N, C-alpha and C. Protein backbone atom coordinates (compact mmCIF):
# COMPACT_ATOMS: atom_id res chain seq x y z
N UNK A 1 44.67 135.58 181.44
CA UNK A 1 45.53 134.44 181.70
C UNK A 1 44.98 133.22 180.97
N UNK A 2 45.87 132.48 180.38
CA UNK A 2 45.41 131.27 179.71
C UNK A 2 45.15 130.19 180.75
N UNK A 3 44.35 129.20 180.39
CA UNK A 3 44.03 128.15 181.37
C UNK A 3 45.26 127.36 181.84
N UNK A 4 46.25 127.21 180.99
CA UNK A 4 47.45 126.46 181.38
C UNK A 4 48.24 127.22 182.44
N UNK A 5 48.43 128.52 182.25
CA UNK A 5 49.16 129.29 183.25
C UNK A 5 48.38 129.40 184.55
N UNK A 6 47.05 129.43 184.46
CA UNK A 6 46.23 129.44 185.66
C UNK A 6 46.36 128.13 186.43
N UNK A 7 46.39 127.01 185.72
CA UNK A 7 46.57 125.70 186.35
C UNK A 7 47.95 125.59 186.99
N UNK A 8 48.96 126.09 186.31
CA UNK A 8 50.32 126.06 186.86
C UNK A 8 50.40 126.92 188.11
N UNK A 9 49.78 128.09 188.08
CA UNK A 9 49.79 128.97 189.25
C UNK A 9 49.06 128.33 190.43
N UNK A 10 47.93 127.66 190.17
CA UNK A 10 47.20 126.98 191.24
C UNK A 10 48.02 125.84 191.84
N UNK A 11 48.65 125.03 190.99
CA UNK A 11 49.48 123.93 191.49
C UNK A 11 50.68 124.45 192.28
N UNK A 12 51.25 125.55 191.83
CA UNK A 12 52.38 126.14 192.55
C UNK A 12 51.94 126.66 193.92
N UNK A 13 50.77 127.28 193.98
CA UNK A 13 50.25 127.80 195.25
C UNK A 13 49.95 126.65 196.22
N UNK A 14 49.37 125.57 195.72
CA UNK A 14 49.07 124.42 196.57
C UNK A 14 50.36 123.78 197.07
N UNK A 15 51.34 123.65 196.20
CA UNK A 15 52.61 123.04 196.59
C UNK A 15 53.33 123.88 197.64
N UNK A 16 53.37 125.18 197.45
CA UNK A 16 54.04 126.05 198.42
C UNK A 16 53.31 126.06 199.76
N UNK A 17 51.99 125.99 199.74
CA UNK A 17 51.26 125.96 201.01
C UNK A 17 51.50 124.65 201.74
N UNK A 18 51.61 123.53 201.02
CA UNK A 18 51.89 122.25 201.66
C UNK A 18 53.31 122.21 202.22
N UNK A 19 54.25 122.78 201.50
CA UNK A 19 55.64 122.84 201.97
C UNK A 19 55.72 123.67 203.25
N UNK A 20 55.01 124.79 203.28
CA UNK A 20 55.03 125.61 204.50
C UNK A 20 54.33 124.89 205.65
N UNK A 21 53.28 124.14 205.37
CA UNK A 21 52.61 123.36 206.42
C UNK A 21 53.54 122.30 206.98
N UNK A 22 54.29 121.62 206.12
CA UNK A 22 55.24 120.60 206.58
C UNK A 22 56.38 121.22 207.37
N UNK A 23 56.77 122.44 207.04
CA UNK A 23 57.85 123.10 207.78
C UNK A 23 57.37 123.55 209.16
N UNK A 24 56.15 124.06 209.24
CA UNK A 24 55.62 124.57 210.50
C UNK A 24 55.16 123.43 211.41
N UNK A 25 54.44 122.48 210.84
CA UNK A 25 53.89 121.38 211.63
C UNK A 25 54.22 120.06 210.95
N UNK A 26 55.37 119.44 211.28
CA UNK A 26 55.78 118.23 210.57
C UNK A 26 54.96 116.99 210.93
N UNK A 27 54.21 117.04 212.01
CA UNK A 27 53.41 115.89 212.42
C UNK A 27 51.93 116.20 212.28
N UNK A 28 51.17 115.22 211.79
CA UNK A 28 49.73 115.34 211.68
C UNK A 28 49.06 114.23 212.47
N UNK A 29 47.74 114.25 212.50
CA UNK A 29 47.01 113.21 213.23
C UNK A 29 47.10 111.88 212.49
N UNK A 30 47.13 110.80 213.25
CA UNK A 30 47.16 109.46 212.68
C UNK A 30 45.87 109.23 211.91
N UNK A 31 45.97 108.60 210.76
CA UNK A 31 44.78 108.36 209.94
C UNK A 31 43.91 107.24 210.48
N UNK A 32 44.50 106.31 211.18
CA UNK A 32 43.74 105.17 211.66
C UNK A 32 42.94 105.51 212.92
N UNK A 33 43.59 106.15 213.89
CA UNK A 33 42.90 106.43 215.16
C UNK A 33 42.43 107.87 215.25
N UNK A 34 42.65 108.66 214.20
CA UNK A 34 42.21 110.06 214.14
C UNK A 34 42.80 110.90 215.27
N UNK A 35 44.03 110.61 215.66
CA UNK A 35 44.73 111.40 216.66
C UNK A 35 44.43 111.03 218.10
N UNK A 36 43.65 109.99 218.34
CA UNK A 36 43.31 109.63 219.71
C UNK A 36 44.35 108.69 220.33
N UNK A 37 45.04 107.91 219.52
CA UNK A 37 46.05 107.00 220.03
C UNK A 37 45.51 105.63 220.39
N UNK A 38 44.22 105.48 220.28
CA UNK A 38 43.59 104.20 220.59
C UNK A 38 42.27 104.10 219.86
N UNK A 39 41.75 102.90 219.79
CA UNK A 39 40.44 102.68 219.19
C UNK A 39 39.36 102.94 220.24
N UNK A 40 38.14 103.16 219.78
CA UNK A 40 37.03 103.33 220.70
C UNK A 40 36.11 102.13 220.55
N UNK A 41 35.80 101.53 221.68
CA UNK A 41 34.90 100.38 221.70
C UNK A 41 33.64 100.76 222.46
N UNK A 42 32.62 99.94 222.30
CA UNK A 42 31.38 100.13 223.04
C UNK A 42 31.12 98.87 223.86
N UNK A 43 30.67 99.06 225.08
CA UNK A 43 30.32 97.89 225.87
C UNK A 43 28.90 97.46 225.54
N UNK A 44 28.37 96.48 226.25
CA UNK A 44 27.05 95.94 225.92
C UNK A 44 25.93 96.95 226.12
N UNK A 45 26.15 97.90 227.01
CA UNK A 45 25.12 98.92 227.25
C UNK A 45 25.21 100.08 226.27
N UNK A 46 26.20 100.07 225.41
CA UNK A 46 26.35 101.11 224.42
C UNK A 46 27.25 102.25 224.84
N UNK A 47 27.82 102.16 226.04
CA UNK A 47 28.71 103.21 226.50
C UNK A 47 30.08 103.05 225.83
N UNK A 48 30.69 104.20 225.55
CA UNK A 48 32.01 104.16 224.90
C UNK A 48 33.08 103.87 225.93
N UNK A 49 34.08 103.10 225.52
CA UNK A 49 35.22 102.84 226.37
C UNK A 49 36.46 102.74 225.51
N UNK A 50 37.59 102.86 226.17
CA UNK A 50 38.86 102.84 225.45
C UNK A 50 39.16 101.44 224.93
N UNK A 51 39.62 101.38 223.68
CA UNK A 51 39.98 100.11 223.08
C UNK A 51 41.48 99.90 223.12
N UNK A 52 41.97 99.10 222.21
CA UNK A 52 43.40 98.80 222.15
C UNK A 52 44.18 100.00 221.61
N UNK A 53 45.46 100.05 221.98
CA UNK A 53 46.34 101.09 221.47
C UNK A 53 46.52 100.93 219.97
N UNK A 54 46.66 102.05 219.29
CA UNK A 54 46.85 102.04 217.84
C UNK A 54 48.26 101.54 217.53
N UNK A 55 48.36 100.53 216.67
CA UNK A 55 49.67 99.98 216.31
C UNK A 55 50.36 100.82 215.26
N UNK A 56 49.61 101.58 214.50
CA UNK A 56 50.20 102.36 213.42
C UNK A 56 51.03 103.53 213.96
N UNK A 57 50.52 104.19 215.02
CA UNK A 57 51.23 105.36 215.56
C UNK A 57 51.84 105.09 216.92
N UNK A 58 51.82 103.85 217.38
CA UNK A 58 52.34 103.46 218.69
C UNK A 58 51.69 104.26 219.82
N UNK A 59 50.40 104.49 219.71
CA UNK A 59 49.56 105.15 220.71
C UNK A 59 49.95 106.60 220.96
N UNK A 60 50.63 107.25 220.01
CA UNK A 60 50.94 108.67 220.17
C UNK A 60 49.86 109.54 219.56
N UNK A 61 49.16 109.02 218.55
CA UNK A 61 48.14 109.81 217.87
C UNK A 61 48.70 110.68 216.77
N UNK A 62 50.02 110.65 216.57
CA UNK A 62 50.66 111.50 215.57
C UNK A 62 51.39 110.66 214.54
N UNK A 63 51.54 111.21 213.35
CA UNK A 63 52.30 110.59 212.28
C UNK A 63 53.08 111.68 211.57
N UNK A 64 54.15 111.31 210.90
CA UNK A 64 54.93 112.30 210.16
C UNK A 64 54.28 112.49 208.79
N UNK A 65 54.20 113.73 208.37
CA UNK A 65 53.58 114.04 207.07
C UNK A 65 54.46 113.53 205.93
N UNK A 66 53.85 113.26 204.79
CA UNK A 66 54.56 112.70 203.64
C UNK A 66 55.62 113.66 203.15
N UNK A 67 55.30 114.93 203.06
CA UNK A 67 56.27 115.92 202.59
C UNK A 67 57.47 116.03 203.51
N UNK A 68 57.23 115.98 204.82
CA UNK A 68 58.34 116.04 205.77
C UNK A 68 59.17 114.77 205.70
N UNK A 69 58.53 113.62 205.49
CA UNK A 69 59.25 112.36 205.36
C UNK A 69 60.17 112.41 204.14
N UNK A 70 59.66 112.93 203.02
CA UNK A 70 60.48 113.05 201.82
C UNK A 70 61.64 114.01 202.03
N UNK A 71 61.39 115.13 202.71
CA UNK A 71 62.47 116.08 203.00
C UNK A 71 63.53 115.44 203.89
N UNK A 72 63.11 114.74 204.93
CA UNK A 72 64.07 114.08 205.82
C UNK A 72 64.90 113.05 205.07
N UNK A 73 64.27 112.29 204.18
CA UNK A 73 64.98 111.27 203.41
C UNK A 73 66.01 111.91 202.48
N UNK A 74 65.59 112.99 201.78
CA UNK A 74 66.51 113.68 200.87
C UNK A 74 67.67 114.32 201.63
N UNK A 75 67.40 114.90 202.78
CA UNK A 75 68.45 115.52 203.58
C UNK A 75 69.43 114.47 204.09
N UNK A 76 68.92 113.30 204.46
CA UNK A 76 69.79 112.23 204.95
C UNK A 76 70.68 111.72 203.82
N UNK A 77 70.13 111.55 202.63
CA UNK A 77 70.92 111.07 201.50
C UNK A 77 72.00 112.10 201.14
N UNK A 78 71.64 113.38 201.14
CA UNK A 78 72.60 114.42 200.84
C UNK A 78 73.70 114.48 201.89
N UNK A 79 73.32 114.38 203.15
CA UNK A 79 74.29 114.43 204.24
C UNK A 79 75.25 113.23 204.18
N UNK A 80 74.71 112.06 203.89
CA UNK A 80 75.58 110.87 203.79
C UNK A 80 76.47 110.93 202.56
N UNK A 81 76.02 111.57 201.50
CA UNK A 81 76.82 111.65 200.27
C UNK A 81 77.93 112.67 200.32
N UNK A 82 77.83 113.66 201.22
CA UNK A 82 78.84 114.70 201.27
C UNK A 82 79.89 114.44 202.35
N UNK A 83 79.77 113.38 203.08
CA UNK A 83 80.77 113.06 204.10
C UNK A 83 81.97 112.41 203.52
C-alpha cells in the first residue's frame, strides 16, 4: 500500500468511528467541569467542597458532541428546506 492510500484509510477509519460514537452516545462530558456539573473548591483546612454550578453545561455535566451538533444542524436545514 502506498503511504497516501494508507493515510486515506486511516482517516476514513477515524471518521467512521467518530460518526458511530456520535450515533451511539450523542452527549459527552463537559470540558469545563469534567462531567461533575460543578466546580470543586477547597476550604481553609484543605478539604474539598462543592463549588458553583457550571455555567457552560447548566450543571448537567453533559454537552452535545460536535459531530452530533453538525448532524442536527444539517438535518434541521434539510427538514426546513423540504417543507
